[in-house]
């Protein structure tokens, strides 16, 4: 039995598996943090929380590529930062802007101070 544990804890396979778990754990942490920020920002009345750059999705995609996952690396693109980035680039490019609160109240007929 001692040989089994000695072979397990001194093997390169165990080091490789621990490295993959560490990479995916860090990527998953940032990935979940971005989704929590995204959901928090969608709820009206909540304070705006800044998202982390798409590091979580990129780490997950890189980890999948290292393990030989191939096309499964596209899972990393489900990080909400990518969608927000595309939306912000498209709205800036085509001149679509959000109306300010003052414009909306004047348009609805409510005149404030």
Protein backbone atom coordinates (compact mmCIF):
# COMPACT_ATOMS: atom_id res chain seq x y z
CA UNK A 1 0.00 0.00 0.00
CA UNK A 2 2.87 2.35 0.75
CA UNK A 3 4.20 1.84 -2.75
CA UNK A 4 0.84 2.86 -4.20
CA UNK A 5 0.76 6.18 -2.32
CA UNK A 6 4.45 6.77 -2.98
CA UNK A 7 3.89 6.23 -6.69
CA UNK A 8 0.76 8.41 -6.70
CA UNK A 9 2.18 11.43 -4.91
CA UNK A 10 5.56 11.34 -6.64
CA UNK A 11 4.26 10.90 -10.15
CA UNK A 12 4.12 13.39 -12.97
CA UNK A 13 0.50 12.43 -13.62
CA UNK A 14 -0.58 13.71 -10.21
CA UNK A 15 1.32 16.95 -10.81
CA UNK A 16 -0.34 17.35 -14.19
CA UNK A 17 -3.82 16.71 -12.79
CA UNK A 18 -3.19 19.18 -9.95
CA UNK A 19 -2.03 21.77 -12.48
CA UNK A 20 -5.19 21.35 -14.55
CA UNK A 21 -7.39 21.61 -11.45
CA UNK A 22 -5.53 24.77 -10.40
CA UNK A 23 -5.86 26.36 -13.86
CA UNK A 24 -9.55 25.54 -14.17
CA UNK A 25 -10.21 26.63 -10.57
CA UNK A 26 -8.73 30.08 -11.13
CA UNK A 27 -10.52 30.45 -14.46
CA UNK A 28 -13.83 29.32 -12.96
CA UNK A 29 -13.47 31.82 -10.11
CA UNK A 30 -13.11 34.77 -12.51
CA UNK A 31 -15.81 33.35 -14.79
CA UNK A 32 -18.34 33.15 -11.93
CA UNK A 33 -17.30 36.60 -10.69
CA UNK A 34 -18.07 38.10 -14.11
CA UNK A 35 -21.48 36.44 -14.25
CA UNK A 36 -22.29 37.71 -10.74
CA UNK A 37 -21.31 41.26 -11.75
CA UNK A 38 -23.35 40.98 -14.95
CA UNK A 39 -26.47 39.78 -13.12
CA UNK A 40 -26.03 42.45 -10.42
CA UNK A 41 -25.80 45.17 -13.07
CA UNK A 42 -29.03 43.99 -14.72
CA UNK A 43 -31.10 44.50 -11.55
CA UNK A 44 -32.53 48.04 -11.45
CA UNK A 45 -31.55 50.15 -8.47
CA UNK A 46 -28.38 48.23 -7.69
CA UNK A 47 -24.99 49.89 -7.61
CA UNK A 48 -22.98 49.37 -10.81
CA UNK A 49 -20.20 46.84 -10.41
CA UNK A 50 -17.32 46.76 -12.85
CA UNK A 51 -16.58 43.47 -14.59
CA UNK A 52 -13.20 41.82 -14.72
CA UNK A 53 -11.64 41.58 -18.15
CA UNK A 54 -12.38 38.26 -19.86
CA UNK A 55 -9.52 36.56 -18.04
CA UNK A 56 -11.75 33.78 -16.70
CA UNK A 57 -13.03 32.78 -20.12
CA UNK A 58 -9.55 32.94 -21.60
CA UNK A 59 -8.06 30.82 -18.83
CA UNK A 60 -10.81 28.23 -19.25
CA UNK A 61 -10.33 28.22 -23.03
CA UNK A 62 -6.56 27.90 -22.63
CA UNK A 63 -6.95 25.07 -20.14
CA UNK A 64 -9.28 23.20 -22.49
CA UNK A 65 -6.81 23.66 -25.34
CA UNK A 66 -3.94 22.39 -23.19
CA UNK A 67 -5.89 19.26 -22.28
CA UNK A 68 -6.67 18.64 -25.95
CA UNK A 69 -10.32 19.63 -25.90
CA UNK A 70 -10.28 21.29 -29.32
CA UNK A 71 -13.58 22.99 -30.14
CA UNK A 72 -14.70 22.79 -26.51
CA UNK A 73 -12.44 25.78 -25.91
CA UNK A 74 -15.25 27.93 -27.30
CA UNK A 75 -16.92 27.49 -23.90
CA UNK A 76 -14.60 30.28 -22.75
CA UNK A 77 -16.44 32.67 -25.06
CA UNK A 78 -19.56 32.40 -22.89
CA UNK A 79 -17.90 34.81 -20.49
CA UNK A 80 -20.35 37.77 -20.32
CA UNK A 81 -17.54 40.26 -20.87
CA UNK A 82 -17.32 39.26 -24.53
CA UNK A 83 -21.01 40.02 -25.09
CA UNK A 84 -20.76 43.36 -23.29
CA UNK A 85 -17.65 44.22 -25.31
CA UNK A 86 -19.36 43.45 -28.64
CA UNK A 87 -22.44 45.44 -27.57
CA UNK A 88 -20.35 48.47 -26.56
CA UNK A 89 -18.36 48.35 -29.80
CA UNK A 90 -21.50 48.13 -31.94
CA UNK A 91 -23.31 50.94 -30.13
CA UNK A 92 -20.26 53.19 -30.39
CA UNK A 93 -19.70 52.35 -34.06
CA UNK A 94 -23.23 52.90 -35.30
CA UNK A 95 -24.04 55.87 -33.08
CA UNK A 96 -26.80 54.15 -31.14
CA UNK A 97 -26.86 55.77 -27.75
CA UNK A 98 -29.05 55.37 -24.72
CA UNK A 99 -31.40 58.24 -23.94
CA UNK A 100 -30.63 60.13 -20.81
CA UNK A 101 -33.17 60.28 -17.99
CA UNK A 102 -33.84 63.93 -18.73
CA UNK A 103 -34.69 63.21 -22.38
CA UNK A 104 -37.02 60.37 -21.38
CA UNK A 105 -38.93 62.50 -18.87
CA UNK A 106 -39.33 65.35 -21.35
CA UNK A 107 -40.49 62.90 -24.00
CA UNK A 108 -43.13 61.42 -21.68
CA UNK A 109 -44.55 64.82 -20.86
CA UNK A 110 -43.30 65.02 -17.30
CA UNK A 111 -41.43 68.22 -16.75
CA UNK A 112 -39.00 68.30 -13.87
CA UNK A 113 -36.90 71.09 -12.43
